């Protein structure tokens, strides 16, 4: 979710915002939609994204077709092949 905050309070991201010395501005922008077919992404890269916190285990399976064992954080290769329709 995108947000524009000044000292923790919502600010006007579309107009002029006057700041005072010491004000803290926070701008969070959502990520992009990505490039290419997510099912073509290297499963090892998807696993890395999960470990680094960029993708969830659920997203790995639903969006990328990569089945990851939640206990061992290892790729289930037969499950991944099945999820990707191979």
N, C-alpha and C. Protein backbone atom coordinates (compact mmCIF):
# COMPACT_ATOMS: atom_id res chain seq x y z
N UNK A 1 0.84 -1.16 0.00
CA UNK A 1 0.00 0.00 0.00
C UNK A 1 0.90 1.24 0.00
N UNK A 2 0.62 2.17 -0.90
CA UNK A 2 1.39 3.41 -0.97
C UNK A 2 0.95 4.35 0.16
N UNK A 3 1.91 5.09 0.66
CA UNK A 3 1.56 6.08 1.69
C UNK A 3 2.56 7.22 1.68
N UNK A 4 2.10 8.39 2.11
CA UNK A 4 2.92 9.59 2.24
C UNK A 4 2.66 10.13 3.64
N UNK A 5 3.66 10.08 4.49
CA UNK A 5 3.50 10.48 5.88
C UNK A 5 4.46 11.62 6.23
N UNK A 6 3.97 12.53 7.04
CA UNK A 6 4.82 13.57 7.62
C UNK A 6 4.71 13.41 9.13
N UNK A 7 5.83 13.09 9.75
CA UNK A 7 5.86 12.84 11.20
C UNK A 7 4.84 11.79 11.61
N UNK A 8 4.68 10.77 10.76
CA UNK A 8 3.78 9.67 11.07
C UNK A 8 2.33 9.90 10.74
N UNK A 9 1.96 11.10 10.30
CA UNK A 9 0.57 11.41 9.95
C UNK A 9 0.44 11.52 8.44
N UNK A 10 -0.74 11.19 7.91
CA UNK A 10 -0.96 11.27 6.47
C UNK A 10 -0.73 12.68 5.97
N UNK A 11 0.00 12.78 4.85
CA UNK A 11 0.24 14.06 4.21
C UNK A 11 -0.41 14.09 2.84
N UNK A 12 -0.32 15.21 2.16
CA UNK A 12 -0.89 15.36 0.83
C UNK A 12 0.19 15.05 -0.20
N UNK A 13 0.13 13.88 -0.78
CA UNK A 13 1.15 13.45 -1.74
C UNK A 13 1.00 14.15 -3.09
N UNK A 14 -0.11 14.85 -3.32
CA UNK A 14 -0.38 15.45 -4.62
C UNK A 14 -0.29 16.97 -4.61
N UNK A 15 0.04 17.54 -3.49
CA UNK A 15 0.11 19.00 -3.40
C UNK A 15 1.39 19.44 -2.74
N UNK A 16 1.47 20.70 -2.48
CA UNK A 16 2.65 21.26 -1.82
C UNK A 16 2.58 20.93 -0.33
N UNK A 17 3.65 20.40 0.19
CA UNK A 17 3.71 20.09 1.62
C UNK A 17 4.83 20.92 2.22
N UNK A 18 4.48 21.79 3.14
CA UNK A 18 5.48 22.62 3.81
C UNK A 18 6.03 21.84 5.00
N UNK A 19 7.34 21.78 5.05
CA UNK A 19 8.00 21.06 6.12
C UNK A 19 8.75 22.03 7.01
N UNK A 20 8.90 21.62 8.26
CA UNK A 20 9.66 22.39 9.24
C UNK A 20 10.95 21.63 9.53
N UNK A 21 11.98 22.32 9.97
CA UNK A 21 13.20 21.60 10.34
C UNK A 21 12.88 20.49 11.34
N UNK A 22 13.41 19.31 11.07
CA UNK A 22 13.20 18.17 11.96
C UNK A 22 12.04 17.29 11.56
N UNK A 23 11.19 17.75 10.60
CA UNK A 23 10.10 16.89 10.14
C UNK A 23 10.66 15.64 9.48
N UNK A 24 9.93 14.55 9.62
CA UNK A 24 10.32 13.28 9.01
C UNK A 24 9.27 12.92 7.97
N UNK A 25 9.73 12.72 6.73
CA UNK A 25 8.84 12.34 5.64
C UNK A 25 9.08 10.88 5.30
N UNK A 26 8.00 10.12 5.21
CA UNK A 26 8.07 8.72 4.84
C UNK A 26 7.24 8.52 3.58
N UNK A 27 7.86 7.95 2.55
CA UNK A 27 7.16 7.64 1.31
C UNK A 27 7.35 6.15 1.04
N UNK A 28 6.24 5.43 1.02
CA UNK A 28 6.25 4.01 0.68
C UNK A 28 5.50 3.85 -0.62
N UNK A 29 6.14 3.24 -1.60
CA UNK A 29 5.50 3.00 -2.90
C UNK A 29 5.37 1.49 -3.10
N UNK A 30 4.26 1.06 -3.70
CA UNK A 30 4.09 -0.37 -3.94
C UNK A 30 5.05 -0.85 -5.01
N UNK A 31 5.33 -2.15 -4.98
CA UNK A 31 6.20 -2.75 -5.98
C UNK A 31 5.50 -2.89 -7.31
N UNK A 32 6.28 -3.16 -8.33
CA UNK A 32 5.74 -3.35 -9.67
C UNK A 32 5.17 -4.74 -9.85
N UNK A 33 4.55 -4.95 -10.98
CA UNK A 33 3.93 -6.22 -11.30
C UNK A 33 4.92 -7.27 -11.76
N UNK A 34 6.15 -6.89 -11.97
CA UNK A 34 7.14 -7.85 -12.42
C UNK A 34 7.21 -7.90 -13.93
N UNK A 35 8.07 -8.77 -14.43
CA UNK A 35 8.30 -8.89 -15.86
C UNK A 35 8.33 -10.36 -16.24
N UNK A 36 7.58 -10.71 -17.23
CA UNK A 36 7.59 -12.08 -17.73
C UNK A 36 6.63 -13.00 -16.99
N UNK A 37 6.59 -14.22 -17.45
CA UNK A 37 5.72 -15.24 -16.88
C UNK A 37 6.28 -15.71 -15.54
N UNK A 38 5.53 -15.55 -14.44
CA UNK A 38 6.04 -15.97 -13.14
C UNK A 38 6.35 -17.47 -13.06
N UNK A 39 5.68 -18.27 -13.89
CA UNK A 39 5.94 -19.71 -13.88
C UNK A 39 7.27 -20.05 -14.54
N UNK A 40 7.88 -19.08 -15.22
CA UNK A 40 9.18 -19.31 -15.85
C UNK A 40 10.34 -18.90 -14.93
N UNK A 41 10.02 -18.32 -13.78
CA UNK A 41 11.08 -17.88 -12.86
C UNK A 41 11.79 -19.10 -12.28
N UNK A 42 13.10 -19.01 -12.20
CA UNK A 42 13.91 -20.09 -11.64
C UNK A 42 13.45 -20.40 -10.21
N UNK A 43 13.06 -21.64 -9.94
CA UNK A 43 12.59 -22.00 -8.60
C UNK A 43 13.59 -21.65 -7.50
N UNK A 44 14.88 -21.75 -7.78
CA UNK A 44 15.89 -21.39 -6.78
C UNK A 44 15.80 -19.90 -6.43
N UNK A 45 15.49 -19.07 -7.42
CA UNK A 45 15.35 -17.63 -7.17
C UNK A 45 14.09 -17.35 -6.34
N UNK A 46 13.02 -18.11 -6.62
CA UNK A 46 11.80 -17.96 -5.83
C UNK A 46 12.08 -18.36 -4.38
N UNK A 47 12.80 -19.45 -4.19
CA UNK A 47 13.17 -19.87 -2.83
C UNK A 47 13.97 -18.77 -2.14
N UNK A 48 14.90 -18.17 -2.85
CA UNK A 48 15.69 -17.07 -2.28
C UNK A 48 14.79 -15.91 -1.88
N UNK A 49 13.80 -15.60 -2.73
CA UNK A 49 12.85 -14.52 -2.40
C UNK A 49 12.08 -14.84 -1.12
N UNK A 50 11.69 -16.10 -0.95
CA UNK A 50 10.96 -16.51 0.26
C UNK A 50 11.88 -16.37 1.48
N UNK A 51 13.09 -16.85 1.38
CA UNK A 51 14.03 -16.79 2.51
C UNK A 51 14.34 -15.35 2.89
N UNK A 52 14.45 -14.47 1.88
CA UNK A 52 14.75 -13.05 2.12
C UNK A 52 13.52 -12.24 2.55
N UNK A 53 12.34 -12.87 2.49
CA UNK A 53 11.13 -12.18 2.92
C UNK A 53 10.44 -11.36 1.84
N UNK A 54 10.86 -11.52 0.57
CA UNK A 54 10.24 -10.78 -0.52
C UNK A 54 8.97 -11.45 -1.02
N UNK A 55 8.82 -12.74 -0.76
CA UNK A 55 7.63 -13.49 -1.16
C UNK A 55 7.29 -14.46 -0.03
N UNK A 56 6.02 -14.77 0.09
CA UNK A 56 5.58 -15.72 1.11
C UNK A 56 5.60 -17.14 0.55
N UNK A 57 5.53 -18.12 1.43
CA UNK A 57 5.42 -19.51 0.99
C UNK A 57 4.18 -19.69 0.12
N UNK A 58 3.08 -19.05 0.53
CA UNK A 58 1.84 -19.16 -0.24
C UNK A 58 2.01 -18.56 -1.63
N UNK A 59 2.61 -17.39 -1.71
CA UNK A 59 2.83 -16.75 -3.00
C UNK A 59 3.75 -17.59 -3.89
N UNK A 60 4.76 -18.22 -3.30
CA UNK A 60 5.66 -19.07 -4.07
C UNK A 60 4.86 -20.15 -4.80
N UNK A 61 3.90 -20.76 -4.09
CA UNK A 61 3.11 -21.82 -4.69
C UNK A 61 2.04 -21.31 -5.64
N UNK A 62 1.29 -20.30 -5.21
CA UNK A 62 0.16 -19.81 -6.00
C UNK A 62 0.62 -19.00 -7.21
N UNK A 63 1.55 -18.08 -7.00
CA UNK A 63 1.95 -17.17 -8.07
C UNK A 63 3.07 -17.72 -8.96
N UNK A 64 3.98 -18.48 -8.37
CA UNK A 64 5.15 -18.94 -9.11
C UNK A 64 5.16 -20.44 -9.37
N UNK A 65 4.22 -21.18 -8.78
CA UNK A 65 4.18 -22.62 -8.98
C UNK A 65 5.38 -23.34 -8.39
N UNK A 66 5.93 -22.77 -7.32
CA UNK A 66 7.09 -23.40 -6.66
C UNK A 66 6.63 -23.88 -5.29
N UNK A 67 6.67 -25.18 -5.09
CA UNK A 67 6.25 -25.78 -3.82
C UNK A 67 7.47 -25.88 -2.92
N UNK A 68 7.36 -25.26 -1.75
CA UNK A 68 8.47 -25.23 -0.80
C UNK A 68 8.01 -25.87 0.50
N UNK A 69 8.81 -26.78 1.03
CA UNK A 69 8.51 -27.42 2.31
C UNK A 69 8.66 -26.36 3.40
N UNK A 70 7.59 -26.06 4.15
CA UNK A 70 7.67 -25.00 5.15
C UNK A 70 8.58 -25.32 6.33
N UNK A 71 8.85 -26.59 6.57
CA UNK A 71 9.70 -26.97 7.70
C UNK A 71 11.18 -26.92 7.35
N UNK A 72 11.51 -27.36 6.13
CA UNK A 72 12.93 -27.43 5.74
C UNK A 72 13.35 -26.29 4.83
N UNK A 73 12.37 -25.55 4.30
CA UNK A 73 12.62 -24.51 3.30
C UNK A 73 13.43 -25.04 2.12
N UNK A 74 13.05 -26.24 1.68
CA UNK A 74 13.63 -26.83 0.49
C UNK A 74 12.55 -26.95 -0.57
N UNK A 75 12.97 -26.87 -1.83
CA UNK A 75 12.02 -26.98 -2.93
C UNK A 75 11.56 -28.43 -3.07
N UNK A 76 10.26 -28.60 -3.18
CA UNK A 76 9.67 -29.91 -3.48
C UNK A 76 9.62 -29.97 -5.01
N UNK A 77 10.64 -30.58 -5.61
CA UNK A 77 10.77 -30.58 -7.07
C UNK A 77 9.62 -31.31 -7.76
N UNK A 78 9.20 -32.51 -7.30
CA UNK A 78 8.05 -33.16 -7.95
C UNK A 78 6.78 -32.31 -7.81
N UNK A 79 6.58 -31.72 -6.64
CA UNK A 79 5.42 -30.86 -6.43
C UNK A 79 5.47 -29.62 -7.29
N UNK A 80 6.67 -29.06 -7.47
CA UNK A 80 6.84 -27.88 -8.32
C UNK A 80 6.55 -28.22 -9.78
N UNK A 81 7.08 -29.35 -10.24
CA UNK A 81 6.81 -29.77 -11.62
C UNK A 81 5.32 -29.96 -11.85
N UNK A 82 4.63 -30.54 -10.87
CA UNK A 82 3.18 -30.75 -10.99
C UNK A 82 2.45 -29.41 -10.99
N UNK A 83 2.84 -28.50 -10.10
CA UNK A 83 2.20 -27.19 -10.00
C UNK A 83 2.40 -26.38 -11.27
N UNK A 84 3.51 -26.59 -11.94
CA UNK A 84 3.81 -25.86 -13.17
C UNK A 84 3.30 -26.58 -14.42
N UNK A 85 2.58 -27.68 -14.20
CA UNK A 85 1.96 -28.39 -15.32
C UNK A 85 2.93 -29.19 -16.15
N UNK A 86 4.01 -29.63 -15.55
CA UNK A 86 4.99 -30.44 -16.30
C UNK A 86 4.76 -31.90 -16.08
